[in-house]
C-alpha atoms as a PDB file:
ATOM      1  CA  MET A   1    -127.166 165.737 176.794  1.00  0.00           C
ATOM      2  CA  ILE A   2    -125.958 164.502 179.946  1.00  0.00           C
ATOM      3  CA  VAL A   3    -124.518 167.240 182.211  1.00  0.00           C
ATOM      4  CA  PRO A   4    -124.382 165.950 186.016  1.00  0.00           C
ATOM      5  CA  THR A   5    -125.765 168.595 188.462  1.00  0.00           C
ATOM      6  CA  MET A   6    -124.288 167.246 191.777  1.00  0.00           C
ATOM      7  CA  ALA A   7    -121.794 164.684 192.765  1.00  0.00           C
ATOM      8  CA  PHE A   8    -120.353 162.796 195.974  1.00  0.00           C
ATOM      9  CA  PHE A   9    -117.171 161.049 197.320  1.00  0.00           C
ATOM     10  CA  THR A  10    -117.473 157.376 198.258  1.00  0.00           C
ATOM     11  CA  LYS A  11    -114.592 154.937 199.023  1.00  0.00           C
ATOM     12  CA  GLY A  12    -114.163 151.191 199.774  1.00  0.00           C
ATOM     13  CA  VAL A  13    -112.089 148.372 200.795  1.00  0.00           C
ATOM     14  CA  GLY A  14    -112.946 144.800 200.055  1.00  0.00           C
ATOM     15  CA  PHE A  15    -111.081 141.215 201.006  1.00  0.00           C
ATOM     16  CA  HIS A  16    -111.862 138.084 199.216  1.00  0.00           C
ATOM     17  CA  LYS A  17    -109.848 134.884 198.078  1.00  0.00           C
ATOM     18  CA  ASN A  18    -111.183 135.883 194.397  1.00  0.00           C
ATOM     19  CA  GLU A  19    -110.149 139.385 193.113  1.00  0.00           C
ATOM     20  CA  LEU A  20    -113.666 140.096 191.185  1.00  0.00           C
ATOM     21  CA  GLN A  21    -115.309 139.405 194.472  1.00  0.00           C
ATOM     22  CA  SER A  22    -112.952 141.841 196.359  1.00  0.00           C
ATOM     23  CA  TYR A  23    -113.745 144.519 193.954  1.00  0.00           C
ATOM     24  CA  GLU A  24    -117.828 143.541 194.595  1.00  0.00           C
ATOM     25  CA  LEU A  25    -117.144 143.915 198.363  1.00  0.00           C
ATOM     26  CA  ALA A  26    -115.224 147.258 197.793  1.00  0.00           C
ATOM     27  CA  LEU A  27    -118.161 148.592 196.083  1.00  0.00           C
ATOM     28  CA  ARG A  28    -120.726 147.278 198.907  1.00  0.00           C
ATOM     29  CA  ASP A  29    -118.322 149.234 201.251  1.00  0.00           C
ATOM     30  CA  ALA A  30    -118.648 152.387 198.979  1.00  0.00           C
ATOM     31  CA  GLY A  31    -122.410 152.052 199.033  1.00  0.00           C
ATOM     32  CA  ILE A  32    -122.494 151.702 195.139  1.00  0.00           C
ATOM     33  CA  GLU A  33    -122.767 147.701 194.338  1.00  0.00           C
ATOM     34  CA  LYS A  34    -126.153 148.274 193.128  1.00  0.00           C
ATOM     35  CA  GLN A  35    -125.185 150.345 190.269  1.00  0.00           C
ATOM     36  CA  ASN A  36    -124.250 149.902 186.668  1.00  0.00           C
ATOM     37  CA  LEU A  37    -121.272 152.176 186.859  1.00  0.00           C
ATOM     38  CA  VAL A  38    -119.658 153.698 184.014  1.00  0.00           C
ATOM     39  CA  SER A  39    -116.019 155.339 184.130  1.00  0.00           C
ATOM     40  CA  VAL A  40    -115.844 158.370 182.671  1.00  0.00           C
ATOM     41  CA  SER A  41    -112.456 160.771 182.781  1.00  0.00           C
ATOM     42  CA  SER A  42    -111.569 163.908 184.406  1.00  0.00           C
ATOM     43  CA  ILE A  43    -114.109 167.048 184.150  1.00  0.00           C
ATOM     44  CA  LEU A  44    -116.078 168.067 186.946  1.00  0.00           C
ATOM     45  CA  PRO A  45    -119.042 170.040 185.286  1.00  0.00           C
ATOM     46  CA  PRO A  46    -119.779 173.834 185.767  1.00  0.00           C
ATOM     47  CA  ASN A  47    -121.707 174.447 188.872  1.00  0.00           C
ATOM     48  CA  CYS A  48    -121.763 170.806 189.824  1.00  0.00           C
ATOM     49  CA  GLU A  49    -122.600 170.806 193.583  1.00  0.00           C
ATOM     50  CA  ILE A  50    -120.770 168.252 195.821  1.00  0.00           C
ATOM     51  CA  ILE A  51    -123.340 166.660 197.997  1.00  0.00           C
ATOM     52  CA  ASP A  52    -122.553 164.025 201.298  1.00  0.00           C
ATOM     53  CA  LEU A  53    -122.232 160.509 200.782  1.00  0.00           C
ATOM     54  CA  GLU A  54    -125.775 159.968 202.390  1.00  0.00           C
ATOM     55  CA  GLU A  55    -127.814 162.389 200.415  1.00  0.00           C
ATOM     56  CA  GLY A  56    -126.053 161.241 196.936  1.00  0.00           C
ATOM     57  CA  LEU A  57    -126.988 157.346 197.944  1.00  0.00           C
ATOM     58  CA  LYS A  58    -130.605 158.324 198.537  1.00  0.00           C
ATOM     59  CA  LEU A  59    -130.562 159.611 194.871  1.00  0.00           C
ATOM     60  CA  LEU A  60    -129.501 156.393 193.291  1.00  0.00           C
ATOM     61  CA  LYS A  61    -131.715 153.380 192.204  1.00  0.00           C
ATOM     62  CA  PRO A  62    -130.594 149.596 192.055  1.00  0.00           C
ATOM     63  CA  GLY A  63    -129.845 149.360 188.505  1.00  0.00           C
ATOM     64  CA  GLN A  64    -129.289 152.789 187.427  1.00  0.00           C
ATOM     65  CA  ILE A  65    -126.897 153.663 184.906  1.00  0.00           C
ATOM     66  CA  THR A  66    -124.434 155.788 187.159  1.00  0.00           C
ATOM     67  CA  TYR A  67    -121.191 157.712 185.634  1.00  0.00           C
ATOM     68  CA  CYS A  68    -118.317 157.749 187.902  1.00  0.00           C
ATOM     69  CA  VAL A  69    -114.451 158.679 187.989  1.00  0.00           C
ATOM     70  CA  MET A  70    -112.853 155.815 190.076  1.00  0.00           C
ATOM     71  CA  ALA A  71    -109.636 155.083 191.221  1.00  0.00           C
ATOM     72  CA  ARG A  72    -109.062 151.356 191.896  1.00  0.00           C
ATOM     73  CA  LEU A  73    -106.352 148.885 192.825  1.00  0.00           C
ATOM     74  CA  SER A  74    -106.052 145.387 193.582  1.00  0.00           C
ATOM     75  CA  ALA A  75    -103.448 143.166 195.152  1.00  0.00           C
ATOM     76  CA  ASN A  76    -103.041 139.643 196.419  1.00  0.00           C
ATOM     77  CA  GLU A  77     -99.637 139.797 198.129  1.00  0.00           C
ATOM     78  CA  PHE A  78     -99.771 139.621 202.128  1.00  0.00           C
ATOM     79  CA  GLY A  79     -99.065 142.805 203.824  1.00  0.00           C
ATOM     80  CA  ARG A  80     -98.819 144.978 200.555  1.00  0.00           C
ATOM     81  CA  MET A  81    -100.037 148.355 201.107  1.00  0.00           C
ATOM     82  CA  ILE A  82    -102.242 149.472 198.385  1.00  0.00           C
ATOM     83  CA  GLY A  83    -103.866 152.655 197.699  1.00  0.00           C
ATOM     84  CA  ALA A  84    -106.330 154.761 195.614  1.00  0.00           C
ATOM     85  CA  SER A  85    -107.906 158.290 195.532  1.00  0.00           C
ATOM     86  CA  VAL A  86    -109.658 160.656 193.503  1.00  0.00           C
ATOM     87  CA  GLY A  87    -108.786 164.469 193.621  1.00  0.00           C
ATOM     88  CA  ILE A  88    -110.799 167.284 192.662  1.00  0.00           C
ATOM     89  CA  ALA A  89    -109.700 170.708 191.854  1.00  0.00           C
ATOM     90  CA  PHE A  90    -112.287 173.500 192.098  1.00  0.00           C
ATOM     91  CA  PRO A  91    -111.887 176.790 189.859  1.00  0.00           C
ATOM     92  CA  THR A  92    -112.659 179.861 191.847  1.00  0.00           C
ATOM     93  CA  ASP A  93    -115.463 180.628 188.974  1.00  0.00           C
ATOM     94  CA  ARG A  94    -118.054 177.796 189.702  1.00  0.00           C
ATOM     95  CA  ASN A  95    -119.459 178.814 186.019  1.00  0.00           C
ATOM     96  CA  GLN A  96    -116.235 177.007 184.818  1.00  0.00           C
ATOM     97  CA  TYR A  97    -115.394 173.557 184.815  1.00  0.00           C
ATOM     98  CA  GLY A  98    -112.786 171.809 187.184  1.00  0.00           C
ATOM     99  CA  TYR A  99    -110.551 168.552 187.001  1.00  0.00           C
ATOM    100  CA  ILE A 100    -111.249 165.263 188.732  1.00  0.00           C
ATOM    101  CA  SER A 101    -108.031 163.044 188.824  1.00  0.00           C
ATOM    102  CA  GLU A 102    -107.521 159.069 189.757  1.00  0.00           C
ATOM    103  CA  PHE A 103    -104.495 157.642 191.010  1.00  0.00           C
ATOM    104  CA  HIS A 104    -103.734 154.580 192.609  1.00  0.00           C
ATOM    105  CA  THR A 105    -100.052 152.998 193.912  1.00  0.00           C
ATOM    106  CA  PHE A 106     -98.470 150.847 195.882  1.00  0.00           C
ATOM    107  CA  GLY A 107     -96.693 151.420 199.162  1.00  0.00           C
ATOM    108  CA  GLN A 108     -98.080 155.078 200.163  1.00  0.00           C
ATOM    109  CA  GLU A 109     -99.769 156.136 203.176  1.00  0.00           C
ATOM    110  CA  GLU A 110    -103.279 157.598 203.094  1.00  0.00           C
ATOM    111  CA  ILE A 111    -102.220 161.382 203.419  1.00  0.00           C
ATOM    112  CA  GLU A 112     -99.613 160.775 200.156  1.00  0.00           C
ATOM    113  CA  VAL A 113    -102.155 159.472 198.274  1.00  0.00           C
ATOM    114  CA  GLY A 114    -104.693 162.014 198.490  1.00  0.00           C
ATOM    115  CA  ASP A 115    -102.044 164.884 198.111  1.00  0.00           C
ATOM    116  CA  PHE A 116    -100.997 163.243 195.147  1.00  0.00           C
ATOM    117  CA  ALA A 117    -104.535 163.260 193.769  1.00  0.00           C
ATOM    118  CA  GLU A 118    -105.174 166.541 194.860  1.00  0.00           C
ATOM    119  CA  ASP A 119    -101.653 167.735 193.021  1.00  0.00           C
ATOM    120  CA  LEU A 120    -102.960 165.809 189.601  1.00  0.00           C
ATOM    121  CA  ALA A 121    -106.280 167.491 189.869  1.00  0.00           C
ATOM    122  CA  SER A 122    -104.837 170.872 190.725  1.00  0.00           C
ATOM    123  CA  THR A 123    -102.029 170.790 188.248  1.00  0.00           C
ATOM    124  CA  MET A 124    -104.442 169.895 185.137  1.00  0.00           C
ATOM    125  CA  LEU A 125    -106.943 172.778 186.334  1.00  0.00           C
ATOM    126  CA  ALA A 126    -103.731 175.208 186.622  1.00  0.00           C
ATOM    127  CA  THR A 127    -102.449 174.375 183.291  1.00  0.00           C
ATOM    128  CA  THR A 128    -105.911 175.058 181.559  1.00  0.00           C
ATOM    129  CA  LEU A 129    -106.458 178.336 183.424  1.00  0.00           C
ATOM    130  CA  GLY A 130    -102.887 179.574 182.172  1.00  0.00           C
ATOM    131  CA  ILE A 131    -101.374 179.601 185.661  1.00  0.00           C
ATOM    132  CA  GLU A 132     -97.606 179.743 185.366  1.00  0.00           C
ATOM    133  CA  PHE A 133     -95.845 177.623 187.619  1.00  0.00           C
ATOM    134  CA  ASP A 134     -92.572 175.239 187.976  1.00  0.00           C
ATOM    135  CA  PRO A 135     -93.651 171.561 187.660  1.00  0.00           C
ATOM    136  CA  ASP A 136     -90.339 170.787 189.381  1.00  0.00           C
ATOM    137  CA  LYS A 137     -91.514 172.409 192.910  1.00  0.00           C
ATOM    138  CA  ASP A 138     -93.194 170.158 195.627  1.00  0.00           C
ATOM    139  CA  TYR A 139     -96.988 170.258 195.782  1.00  0.00           C
ATOM    140  CA  ASP A 140     -97.315 172.392 198.847  1.00  0.00           C
ATOM    141  CA  GLU A 141     -95.184 175.207 196.819  1.00  0.00           C
ATOM    142  CA  ARG A 142     -97.316 175.049 193.678  1.00  0.00           C
ATOM    143  CA  ARG A 143    -100.754 174.763 195.663  1.00  0.00           C
ATOM    144  CA  GLU A 144     -99.760 178.252 197.186  1.00  0.00           C
ATOM    145  CA  ILE A 145     -99.390 179.499 193.299  1.00  0.00           C
ATOM    146  CA  TYR A 146    -102.439 178.097 192.447  1.00  0.00           C
ATOM    147  CA  LEU A 147    -104.534 179.551 195.171  1.00  0.00           C
ATOM    148  CA  MET A 148    -102.358 182.989 195.030  1.00  0.00           C
ATOM    149  CA  SER A 149    -103.552 182.961 191.327  1.00  0.00           C
ATOM    150  CA  GLY A 150    -107.123 183.671 192.376  1.00  0.00           C
ATOM    151  CA  LYS A 151    -107.930 181.178 189.766  1.00  0.00           C
ATOM    152  CA  VAL A 152    -108.178 177.596 191.736  1.00  0.00           C
ATOM    153  CA  VAL A 153    -110.041 177.897 195.039  1.00  0.00           C
ATOM    154  CA  GLU A 154    -109.671 174.468 196.483  1.00  0.00           C
ATOM    155  CA  ALA A 155    -108.757 170.792 195.924  1.00  0.00           C
ATOM    156  CA  LEU A 156    -110.261 167.598 197.976  1.00  0.00           C
ATOM    157  CA  SER A 157    -109.483 163.996 197.733  1.00  0.00           C
ATOM    158  CA  LEU A 158    -110.758 160.576 199.204  1.00  0.00           C
ATOM    159  CA  PRO A 159    -108.093 158.243 199.737  1.00  0.00           C
ATOM    160  CA  CYS A 160    -108.125 154.447 200.465  1.00  0.00           C
ATOM    161  CA  VAL A 161    -105.429 152.635 201.676  1.00  0.00           C
ATOM    162  CA  ALA A 162    -105.471 149.138 203.093  1.00  0.00           C
ATOM    163  CA  CYS A 163    -102.873 145.855 203.229  1.00  0.00           C
ATOM    164  CA  GLY A 164    -102.910 142.777 201.235  1.00  0.00           C
ATOM    165  CA  MET A 165    -104.605 139.625 203.077  1.00  0.00           C
ATOM    166  CA  LYS A 166    -102.983 136.066 203.108  1.00  0.00           C
ATOM    167  CA  GLY A 167    -104.350 133.865 200.669  1.00  0.00           C
ATOM    168  CA  GLY A 168    -106.536 136.365 198.989  1.00  0.00           C
ATOM    169  CA  TYR A 169    -107.122 139.584 197.255  1.00  0.00           C
ATOM    170  CA  VAL A 170    -107.696 143.258 198.722  1.00  0.00           C
ATOM    171  CA  THR A 171    -109.297 145.877 196.351  1.00  0.00           C
ATOM    172  CA  VAL A 172    -109.492 149.358 197.171  1.00  0.00           C
ATOM    173  CA  ILE A 173    -111.612 151.963 195.571  1.00  0.00           C
ATOM    174  CA  SER A 174    -112.211 155.792 195.671  1.00  0.00           C
ATOM    175  CA  CYS A 175    -114.959 157.311 193.552  1.00  0.00           C
ATOM    176  CA  VAL A 176    -116.805 160.533 192.428  1.00  0.00           C
ATOM    177  CA  VAL A 177    -120.254 159.585 191.326  1.00  0.00           C
ATOM    178  CA  PHE A 178    -122.213 161.651 189.390  1.00  0.00           C
ATOM    179  CA  ILE A 179    -126.021 162.707 189.886  1.00  0.00           C
ATOM    180  CA  GLU A 180    -127.844 164.346 186.817  1.00  0.00           C
END
């Protein structure tokens, strides 16, 4: 059974005339190009410690099968703004699991992209914890309800936004990388 005990955030941007190579350059920018990445879904394991990027990268070996939650988007339109972000919602009781979201979009600023990823993760966690809220309220209002419930302690995100280049692709990635 594989249950990660640590995780870290990373993000990257890549520009190239070929889409695949722009993705490779985004992975390099994020520091995870040497991994065999396996995308997984949205659960932050109980008691999983969030470590900083430098510490996390030191724990990885080239060629290692590495699990991650990744938000990714590419575009080949000059000036087109693209964004990607992962978000994590942490339960107050770290013996419980949390949620990780991935979000990608066109035309939104970094703060909007990050807030939406946090909102997605927080909403998923809140619904599993039985927190009642009005889904039509804006995120700031719902965030207060989540925090006041005492069941959701915080949410974090790592947005990555870039604009398209002339004659090529831009790729943005945002990841939560797991360490066993």
